[in-house]
Amino acid sequence: MFAKIIHYYHEAKWIQSAFNIICMVLGTYLIIGSYTFFQGMQGHPSGILVLISGSLFLCCSVLGILSRSMAANVIGALMSIAGLVLLFIA
């Protein structure tokens, strides 16, 4: 029983690390992409939404890497959900 618990803990740890890396890459890509794509369009609302979405993904990954507490995981998950919703709206 204890071996199963340790196995699930290590799987969750790897999944969380992969999630943090994916969020960091996606956030950086969205920030750079929104800056270059919407640079010529002044006042375009989608550019701002994509920029905010990328910032939320980047903050989520940085928070997940720096802090391993349960509250940080919950806040990071909420930020990633909000970033995903904003990305779909944009």
PDB file of N, CA and C in Angstrom:
ATOM      1  N   MET A   1       0.824  -1.198   0.000  1.00  0.00           N
ATOM      2  CA  MET A   1       0.000   0.000   0.000  1.00  0.00           C
ATOM      3  C   MET A   1       0.869   1.264   0.000  1.00  0.00           C
ATOM      4  N   PHE A   2       1.887   1.242   0.842  1.00  0.00           N
ATOM      5  CA  PHE A   2       2.773   2.400   0.928  1.00  0.00           C
ATOM      6  C   PHE A   2       3.534   2.606  -0.379  1.00  0.00           C
ATOM      7  N   ALA A   3       3.875   1.517  -1.053  1.00  0.00           N
ATOM      8  CA  ALA A   3       4.589   1.622  -2.335  1.00  0.00           C
ATOM      9  C   ALA A   3       3.701   2.264  -3.392  1.00  0.00           C
ATOM     10  N   LYS A   4       2.405   1.955  -3.380  1.00  0.00           N
ATOM     11  CA  LYS A   4       1.477   2.583  -4.330  1.00  0.00           C
ATOM     12  C   LYS A   4       1.363   4.082  -4.084  1.00  0.00           C
ATOM     13  N   ILE A   5       1.318   4.469  -2.830  1.00  0.00           N
ATOM     14  CA  ILE A   5       1.222   5.890  -2.484  1.00  0.00           C
ATOM     15  C   ILE A   5       2.464   6.630  -2.967  1.00  0.00           C
ATOM     16  N   ILE A   6       3.625   6.053  -2.750  1.00  0.00           N
ATOM     17  CA  ILE A   6       4.869   6.690  -3.194  1.00  0.00           C
ATOM     18  C   ILE A   6       4.908   6.756  -4.714  1.00  0.00           C
ATOM     19  N   HIS A   7       4.439   5.704  -5.380  1.00  0.00           N
ATOM     20  CA  HIS A   7       4.407   5.690  -6.845  1.00  0.00           C
ATOM     21  C   HIS A   7       3.513   6.806  -7.376  1.00  0.00           C
ATOM     22  N   TYR A   8       2.309   6.976  -6.805  1.00  0.00           N
ATOM     23  CA  TYR A   8       1.402   8.034  -7.241  1.00  0.00           C
ATOM     24  C   TYR A   8       1.970   9.419  -6.939  1.00  0.00           C
ATOM     25  N   TYR A   9       2.672   9.544  -5.820  1.00  0.00           N
ATOM     26  CA  TYR A   9       3.292  10.825  -5.472  1.00  0.00           C
ATOM     27  C   TYR A   9       4.344  11.208  -6.505  1.00  0.00           C
ATOM     28  N   HIS A  10       5.184  10.266  -6.918  1.00  0.00           N
ATOM     29  CA  HIS A  10       6.217  10.560  -7.908  1.00  0.00           C
ATOM     30  C   HIS A  10       5.619  10.852  -9.279  1.00  0.00           C
ATOM     31  N   GLU A  11       4.529  10.170  -9.638  1.00  0.00           N
ATOM     32  CA  GLU A  11       3.851  10.472 -10.904  1.00  0.00           C
ATOM     33  C   GLU A  11       3.276  11.886 -10.889  1.00  0.00           C
ATOM     34  N   ALA A  12       2.649  12.261  -9.789  1.00  0.00           N
ATOM     35  CA  ALA A  12       2.067  13.604  -9.679  1.00  0.00           C
ATOM     36  C   ALA A  12       3.153  14.670  -9.700  1.00  0.00           C
ATOM     37  N   LYS A  13       4.288  14.380  -9.120  1.00  0.00           N
ATOM     38  CA  LYS A  13       5.401  15.326  -9.105  1.00  0.00           C
ATOM     39  C   LYS A  13       5.920  15.564 -10.520  1.00  0.00           C
ATOM     40  N   TRP A  14       6.050  14.493 -11.318  1.00  0.00           N
ATOM     41  CA  TRP A  14       6.502  14.649 -12.702  1.00  0.00           C
ATOM     42  C   TRP A  14       5.473  15.373 -13.547  1.00  0.00           C
ATOM     43  N   ILE A  15       4.203  15.084 -13.319  1.00  0.00           N
ATOM     44  CA  ILE A  15       3.145  15.762 -14.081  1.00  0.00           C
ATOM     45  C   ILE A  15       3.132  17.247 -13.751  1.00  0.00           C
ATOM     46  N   GLN A  16       3.314  17.593 -12.485  1.00  0.00           N
ATOM     47  CA  GLN A  16       3.339  18.998 -12.095  1.00  0.00           C
ATOM     48  C   GLN A  16       4.555  19.709 -12.691  1.00  0.00           C
ATOM     49  N   SER A  17       5.694  19.059 -12.718  1.00  0.00           N
ATOM     50  CA  SER A  17       6.883  19.668 -13.325  1.00  0.00           C
ATOM     51  C   SER A  17       6.684  19.881 -14.821  1.00  0.00           C
ATOM     52  N   ALA A  18       6.083  18.909 -15.496  1.00  0.00           N
ATOM     53  CA  ALA A  18       5.811  19.055 -16.928  1.00  0.00           C
ATOM     54  C   ALA A  18       4.808  20.178 -17.168  1.00  0.00           C
ATOM     55  N   PHE A  19       3.793  20.281 -16.314  1.00  0.00           N
ATOM     56  CA  PHE A  19       2.803  21.354 -16.427  1.00  0.00           C
ATOM     57  C   PHE A  19       3.454  22.718 -16.264  1.00  0.00           C
ATOM     58  N   ASN A  20       4.377  22.844 -15.309  1.00  0.00           N
ATOM     59  CA  ASN A  20       5.067  24.120 -15.098  1.00  0.00           C
ATOM     60  C   ASN A  20       5.918  24.502 -16.302  1.00  0.00           C
ATOM     61  N   ILE A  21       6.594  23.545 -16.888  1.00  0.00           N
ATOM     62  CA  ILE A  21       7.421  23.836 -18.064  1.00  0.00           C
ATOM     63  C   ILE A  21       6.554  24.218 -19.256  1.00  0.00           C
ATOM     64  N   ILE A  22       5.452  23.492 -19.469  1.00  0.00           N
ATOM     65  CA  ILE A  22       4.548  23.804 -20.577  1.00  0.00           C
ATOM     66  C   ILE A  22       3.944  25.191 -20.405  1.00  0.00           C
ATOM     67  N   CYS A  23       3.537  25.533 -19.178  1.00  0.00           N
ATOM     68  CA  CYS A  23       2.967  26.865 -18.927  1.00  0.00           C
ATOM     69  C   CYS A  23       4.006  27.959 -19.150  1.00  0.00           C
ATOM     70  N   MET A  24       5.256  27.697 -18.789  1.00  0.00           N
ATOM     71  CA  MET A  24       6.297  28.704 -18.981  1.00  0.00           C
ATOM     72  C   MET A  24       6.549  28.938 -20.473  1.00  0.00           C
ATOM     73  N   VAL A  25       6.630  27.867 -21.238  1.00  0.00           N
ATOM     74  CA  VAL A  25       6.864  27.996 -22.674  1.00  0.00           C
ATOM     75  C   VAL A  25       5.660  28.662 -23.344  1.00  0.00           C
ATOM     76  N   LEU A  26       4.451  28.235 -22.979  1.00  0.00           N
ATOM     77  CA  LEU A  26       3.241  28.813 -23.576  1.00  0.00           C
ATOM     78  C   LEU A  26       3.087  30.286 -23.226  1.00  0.00           C
ATOM     79  N   GLY A  27       3.365  30.645 -21.981  1.00  0.00           N
ATOM     80  CA  GLY A  27       3.267  32.043 -21.575  1.00  0.00           C
ATOM     81  C   GLY A  27       4.259  32.924 -22.308  1.00  0.00           C
ATOM     82  N   THR A  28       5.490  32.457 -22.433  1.00  0.00           N
ATOM     83  CA  THR A  28       6.497  33.223 -23.164  1.00  0.00           C
ATOM     84  C   THR A  28       6.116  33.355 -24.631  1.00  0.00           C
ATOM     85  N   TYR A  29       5.641  32.268 -25.226  1.00  0.00           N
ATOM     86  CA  TYR A  29       5.227  32.292 -26.635  1.00  0.00           C
ATOM     87  C   TYR A  29       4.065  33.261 -26.849  1.00  0.00           C
ATOM     88  N   LEU A  30       3.095  33.251 -25.944  1.00  0.00           N
ATOM     89  CA  LEU A  30       1.947  34.149 -26.104  1.00  0.00           C
ATOM     90  C   LEU A  30       2.334  35.608 -25.929  1.00  0.00           C
ATOM     91  N   ILE A  31       3.219  35.895 -24.990  1.00  0.00           N
ATOM     92  CA  ILE A  31       3.644  37.280 -24.782  1.00  0.00           C
ATOM     93  C   ILE A  31       4.412  37.788 -25.998  1.00  0.00           C
ATOM     94  N   ILE A  32       5.375  37.010 -26.466  1.00  0.00           N
ATOM     95  CA  ILE A  32       6.159  37.435 -27.629  1.00  0.00           C
ATOM     96  C   ILE A  32       5.288  37.461 -28.878  1.00  0.00           C
ATOM     97  N   GLY A  33       4.442  36.454 -29.043  1.00  0.00           N
ATOM     98  CA  GLY A  33       3.570  36.390 -30.213  1.00  0.00           C
ATOM     99  C   GLY A  33       2.561  37.517 -30.266  1.00  0.00           C
ATOM    100  N   SER A  34       1.985  37.854 -29.121  1.00  0.00           N
ATOM    101  CA  SER A  34       1.007  38.946 -29.122  1.00  0.00           C
ATOM    102  C   SER A  34       1.689  40.280 -29.375  1.00  0.00           C
ATOM    103  N   TYR A  35       2.902  40.438 -28.895  1.00  0.00           N
ATOM    104  CA  TYR A  35       3.614  41.693 -29.125  1.00  0.00           C
ATOM    105  C   TYR A  35       3.959  41.855 -30.602  1.00  0.00           C
ATOM    106  N   THR A  36       4.428  40.785 -31.233  1.00  0.00           N
ATOM    107  CA  THR A  36       4.825  40.908 -32.632  1.00  0.00           C
ATOM    108  C   THR A  36       3.631  40.914 -33.573  1.00  0.00           C
ATOM    109  N   PHE A  37       2.598  40.121 -33.285  1.00  0.00           N
ATOM    110  CA  PHE A  37       1.457  40.026 -34.195  1.00  0.00           C
ATOM    111  C   PHE A  37       0.570  41.263 -34.138  1.00  0.00           C
ATOM    112  N   PHE A  38       0.311  41.771 -32.941  1.00  0.00           N
ATOM    113  CA  PHE A  38      -0.597  42.903 -32.778  1.00  0.00           C
ATOM    114  C   PHE A  38       0.136  44.234 -32.666  1.00  0.00           C
ATOM    115  N   GLN A  39       1.402  44.289 -33.060  1.00  0.00           N
ATOM    116  CA  GLN A  39       2.175  45.514 -32.919  1.00  0.00           C
ATOM    117  C   GLN A  39       1.643  46.640 -33.795  1.00  0.00           C
ATOM    118  N   GLY A  40       1.235  46.348 -35.005  1.00  0.00           N
ATOM    119  CA  GLY A  40       0.760  47.390 -35.901  1.00  0.00           C
ATOM    120  C   GLY A  40      -0.685  47.794 -35.660  1.00  0.00           C
ATOM    121  N   MET A  41      -1.428  47.006 -34.903  1.00  0.00           N
ATOM    122  CA  MET A  41      -2.849  47.277 -34.665  1.00  0.00           C
ATOM    123  C   MET A  41      -3.019  47.953 -33.311  1.00  0.00           C
ATOM    124  N   GLN A  42      -3.212  49.240 -33.319  1.00  0.00           N
ATOM    125  CA  GLN A  42      -3.366  49.978 -32.075  1.00  0.00           C
ATOM    126  C   GLN A  42      -4.779  49.804 -31.522  1.00  0.00           C
ATOM    127  N   GLY A  43      -4.881  49.481 -30.272  1.00  0.00           N
ATOM    128  CA  GLY A  43      -6.174  49.387 -29.614  1.00  0.00           C
ATOM    129  C   GLY A  43      -6.951  48.125 -29.948  1.00  0.00           C
ATOM    130  N   HIS A  44      -6.303  47.107 -30.482  1.00  0.00           N
ATOM    131  CA  HIS A  44      -6.988  45.861 -30.810  1.00  0.00           C
ATOM    132  C   HIS A  44      -7.208  45.076 -29.515  1.00  0.00           C
ATOM    133  N   PRO A  45      -8.472  44.729 -29.170  1.00  0.00           N
ATOM    134  CA  PRO A  45      -8.726  44.090 -27.873  1.00  0.00           C
ATOM    135  C   PRO A  45      -8.142  42.681 -27.760  1.00  0.00           C
ATOM    136  N   SER A  46      -8.010  41.969 -28.847  1.00  0.00           N
ATOM    137  CA  SER A  46      -7.474  40.611 -28.762  1.00  0.00           C
ATOM    138  C   SER A  46      -6.009  40.612 -28.372  1.00  0.00           C
ATOM    139  N   GLY A  47      -5.259  41.605 -28.782  1.00  0.00           N
ATOM    140  CA  GLY A  47      -3.850  41.685 -28.415  1.00  0.00           C
ATOM    141  C   GLY A  47      -3.661  41.817 -26.919  1.00  0.00           C
ATOM    142  N   ILE A  48      -4.487  42.619 -26.299  1.00  0.00           N
ATOM    143  CA  ILE A  48      -4.394  42.797 -24.848  1.00  0.00           C
ATOM    144  C   ILE A  48      -4.798  41.521 -24.129  1.00  0.00           C
ATOM    145  N   LEU A  49      -5.845  40.843 -24.616  1.00  0.00           N
ATOM    146  CA  LEU A  49      -6.281  39.603 -23.979  1.00  0.00           C
ATOM    147  C   LEU A  49      -5.229  38.502 -24.103  1.00  0.00           C
ATOM    148  N   VAL A  50      -4.593  38.407 -25.246  1.00  0.00           N
ATOM    149  CA  VAL A  50      -3.544  37.394 -25.429  1.00  0.00           C
ATOM    150  C   VAL A  50      -2.341  37.723 -24.548  1.00  0.00           C
ATOM    151  N   LEU A  51      -2.014  38.994 -24.418  1.00  0.00           N
ATOM    152  CA  LEU A  51      -0.911  39.406 -23.555  1.00  0.00           C
ATOM    153  C   LEU A  51      -1.208  39.080 -22.087  1.00  0.00           C
ATOM    154  N   ILE A  52      -2.420  39.341 -21.646  1.00  0.00           N
ATOM    155  CA  ILE A  52      -2.811  39.020 -20.268  1.00  0.00           C
ATOM    156  C   ILE A  52      -2.813  37.513 -20.058  1.00  0.00           C
ATOM    157  N   SER A  53      -3.297  36.765 -21.036  1.00  0.00           N
ATOM    158  CA  SER A  53      -3.314  35.311 -20.945  1.00  0.00           C
ATOM    159  C   SER A  53      -1.897  34.756 -20.837  1.00  0.00           C
ATOM    160  N   GLY A  54      -0.984  35.254 -21.654  1.00  0.00           N
ATOM    161  CA  GLY A  54       0.404  34.820 -21.573  1.00  0.00           C
ATOM    162  C   GLY A  54       1.039  35.165 -20.243  1.00  0.00           C
ATOM    163  N   SER A  55       0.707  36.331 -19.710  1.00  0.00           N
ATOM    164  CA  SER A  55       1.239  36.727 -18.406  1.00  0.00           C
ATOM    165  C   SER A  55       0.713  35.824 -17.293  1.00  0.00           C
ATOM    166  N   LEU A  56      -0.547  35.433 -17.385  1.00  0.00           N
ATOM    167  CA  LEU A  56      -1.110  34.525 -16.380  1.00  0.00           C
ATOM    168  C   LEU A  56      -0.446  33.151 -16.440  1.00  0.00           C
ATOM    169  N   PHE A  57      -0.216  32.642 -17.646  1.00  0.00           N
ATOM    170  CA  PHE A  57       0.464  31.353 -17.769  1.00  0.00           C
ATOM    171  C   PHE A  57       1.892  31.433 -17.231  1.00  0.00           C
ATOM    172  N   LEU A  58       2.583  32.510 -17.523  1.00  0.00           N
ATOM    173  CA  LEU A  58       3.955  32.672 -17.050  1.00  0.00           C
ATOM    174  C   LEU A  58       4.001  32.800 -15.532  1.00  0.00           C
ATOM    175  N   CYS A  59       3.088  33.575 -14.949  1.00  0.00           N
ATOM    176  CA  CYS A  59       3.035  33.712 -13.488  1.00  0.00           C
ATOM    177  C   CYS A  59       2.664  32.394 -12.819  1.00  0.00           C
ATOM    178  N   CYS A  60       1.794  31.626 -13.456  1.00  0.00           N
ATOM    179  CA  CYS A  60       1.410  30.317 -12.928  1.00  0.00           C
ATOM    180  C   CYS A  60       2.619  29.392 -12.843  1.00  0.00           C
ATOM    181  N   SER A  61       3.428  29.374 -13.886  1.00  0.00           N
ATOM    182  CA  SER A  61       4.593  28.488 -13.887  1.00  0.00           C
ATOM    183  C   SER A  61       5.651  28.952 -12.893  1.00  0.00           C
ATOM    184  N   VAL A  62       5.870  30.248 -12.801  1.00  0.00           N
ATOM    185  CA  VAL A  62       6.858  30.764 -11.850  1.00  0.00           C
ATOM    186  C   VAL A  62       6.407  30.492 -10.416  1.00  0.00           C
ATOM    187  N   LEU A  63       5.123  30.664 -10.153  1.00  0.00           N
ATOM    188  CA  LEU A  63       4.593  30.381  -8.819  1.00  0.00           C
ATOM    189  C   LEU A  63       4.716  28.898  -8.487  1.00  0.00           C
ATOM    190  N   GLY A  64       4.467  28.031  -9.457  1.00  0.00           N
ATOM    191  CA  GLY A  64       4.584  26.596  -9.234  1.00  0.00           C
ATOM    192  C   GLY A  64       6.020  26.153  -9.016  1.00  0.00           C
ATOM    193  N   ILE A  65       6.967  26.820  -9.677  1.00  0.00           N
ATOM    194  CA  ILE A  65       8.370  26.455  -9.515  1.00  0.00           C
ATOM    195  C   ILE A  65       8.920  26.967  -8.185  1.00  0.00           C
ATOM    196  N   LEU A  66       8.566  28.192  -7.816  1.00  0.00           N
ATOM    197  CA  LEU A  66       9.128  28.785  -6.602  1.00  0.00           C
ATOM    198  C   LEU A  66       8.493  28.265  -5.319  1.00  0.00           C
ATOM    199  N   SER A  67       7.213  27.957  -5.343  1.00  0.00           N
ATOM    200  CA  SER A  67       6.527  27.543  -4.138  1.00  0.00           C
ATOM    201  C   SER A  67       5.868  26.192  -4.357  1.00  0.00           C
ATOM    202  N   ARG A  68       6.027  25.308  -3.422  1.00  0.00           N
ATOM    203  CA  ARG A  68       5.448  23.962  -3.529  1.00  0.00           C
ATOM    204  C   ARG A  68       4.278  23.762  -2.563  1.00  0.00           C
ATOM    205  N   SER A  69       3.698  24.838  -2.052  1.00  0.00           N
ATOM    206  CA  SER A  69       2.603  24.691  -1.098  1.00  0.00           C
ATOM    207  C   SER A  69       1.282  24.421  -1.815  1.00  0.00           C
ATOM    208  N   MET A  70       0.297  23.964  -1.078  1.00  0.00           N
ATOM    209  CA  MET A  70      -1.002  23.635  -1.656  1.00  0.00           C
ATOM    210  C   MET A  70      -1.730  24.902  -2.107  1.00  0.00           C
ATOM    211  N   ALA A  71      -1.585  25.988  -1.351  1.00  0.00           N
ATOM    212  CA  ALA A  71      -2.235  27.240  -1.738  1.00  0.00           C
ATOM    213  C   ALA A  71      -1.656  27.766  -3.052  1.00  0.00           C
ATOM    214  N   ALA A  72      -0.360  27.630  -3.234  1.00  0.00           N
ATOM    215  CA  ALA A  72       0.267  28.059  -4.489  1.00  0.00           C
ATOM    216  C   ALA A  72      -0.218  27.213  -5.659  1.00  0.00           C
ATOM    217  N   ASN A  73      -0.426  25.915  -5.424  1.00  0.00           N
ATOM    218  CA  ASN A  73      -0.943  25.051  -6.489  1.00  0.00           C
ATOM    219  C   ASN A  73      -2.361  25.434  -6.881  1.00  0.00           C
ATOM    220  N   VAL A  74      -3.185  25.760  -5.901  1.00  0.00           N
ATOM    221  CA  VAL A  74      -4.573  26.158  -6.180  1.00  0.00           C
ATOM    222  C   VAL A  74      -4.605  27.495  -6.920  1.00  0.00           C
ATOM    223  N   ILE A  75      -3.811  28.454  -6.468  1.00  0.00           N
ATOM    224  CA  ILE A  75      -3.759  29.765  -7.129  1.00  0.00           C
ATOM    225  C   ILE A  75      -3.214  29.618  -8.547  1.00  0.00           C
ATOM    226  N   GLY A  76      -2.201  28.791  -8.724  1.00  0.00           N
ATOM    227  CA  GLY A  76      -1.648  28.550 -10.054  1.00  0.00           C
ATOM    228  C   GLY A  76      -2.656  27.900 -10.983  1.00  0.00           C
ATOM    229  N   ALA A  77      -3.436  26.959 -10.465  1.00  0.00           N
ATOM    230  CA  ALA A  77      -4.465  26.322 -11.291  1.00  0.00           C
ATOM    231  C   ALA A  77      -5.550  27.316 -11.687  1.00  0.00           C
ATOM    232  N   LEU A  78      -5.935  28.180 -10.768  1.00  0.00           N
ATOM    233  CA  LEU A  78      -6.945  29.198 -11.089  1.00  0.00           C
ATOM    234  C   LEU A  78      -6.417  30.191 -12.120  1.00  0.00           C
ATOM    235  N   MET A  79      -5.131  30.559 -11.998  1.00  0.00           N
ATOM    236  CA  MET A  79      -4.550  31.474 -12.981  1.00  0.00           C
ATOM    237  C   MET A  79      -4.460  30.823 -14.352  1.00  0.00           C
ATOM    238  N   SER A  80      -4.140  29.544 -14.405  1.00  0.00           N
ATOM    239  CA  SER A  80      -4.057  28.880 -15.706  1.00  0.00           C
ATOM    240  C   SER A  80      -5.434  28.716 -16.335  1.00  0.00           C
ATOM    241  N   ILE A  81      -6.458  28.462 -15.535  1.00  0.00           N
ATOM    242  CA  ILE A  81      -7.830  28.368 -16.058  1.00  0.00           C
ATOM    243  C   ILE A  81      -8.282  29.725 -16.572  1.00  0.00           C
ATOM    244  N   ALA A  82      -7.990  30.786 -15.818  1.00  0.00           N
ATOM    245  CA  ALA A  82      -8.353  32.132 -16.269  1.00  0.00           C
ATOM    246  C   ALA A  82      -7.609  32.505 -17.549  1.00  0.00           C
ATOM    247  N   GLY A  83      -6.337  32.128 -17.639  1.00  0.00           N
ATOM    248  CA  GLY A  83      -5.572  32.394 -18.864  1.00  0.00           C
ATOM    249  C   GLY A  83      -6.122  31.634 -20.051  1.00  0.00           C
ATOM    250  N   LEU A  84      -6.559  30.397 -19.826  1.00  0.00           N
ATOM    251  CA  LEU A  84      -7.132  29.601 -20.904  1.00  0.00           C
ATOM    252  C   LEU A  84      -8.453  30.185 -21.378  1.00  0.00           C
ATOM    253  N   VAL A  85      -9.279  30.654 -20.459  1.00  0.00           N
ATOM    254  CA  VAL A  85     -10.546  31.279 -20.818  1.00  0.00           C
ATOM    255  C   VAL A  85     -10.300  32.562 -21.616  1.00  0.00           C
ATOM    256  N   LEU A  86      -9.362  33.382 -21.171  1.00  0.00           N
ATOM    257  CA  LEU A  86      -9.039  34.606 -21.905  1.00  0.00           C
ATOM    258  C   LEU A  86      -8.476  34.319 -23.298  1.00  0.00           C
ATOM    259  N   LEU A  87      -7.701  33.240 -23.401  1.00  0.00           N
ATOM    260  CA  LEU A  87      -7.149  32.867 -24.695  1.00  0.00           C
ATOM    261  C   LEU A  87      -8.260  32.428 -25.643  1.00  0.00           C
ATOM    262  N   PHE A  88      -9.243  31.708 -25.140  1.00  0.00           N
ATOM    263  CA  PHE A  88     -10.360  31.284 -25.992  1.00  0.00           C
ATOM    264  C   PHE A  88     -11.250  32.469 -26.380  1.00  0.00           C
ATOM    265  N   ILE A  89     -11.375  33.447 -25.494  1.00  0.00           N
ATOM    266  CA  ILE A  89     -12.172  34.633 -25.819  1.00  0.00           C
ATOM    267  C   ILE A  89     -11.477  35.461 -26.899  1.00  0.00           C
ATOM    268  N   ALA A  90     -10.143  35.547 -26.789  1.00  0.00           N
ATOM    269  CA  ALA A  90      -9.383  36.334 -27.772  1.00  0.00           C
ATOM    270  C   ALA A  90      -9.432  35.652 -29.105  1.00  0.00           C
TER     271      ALA A  90
END
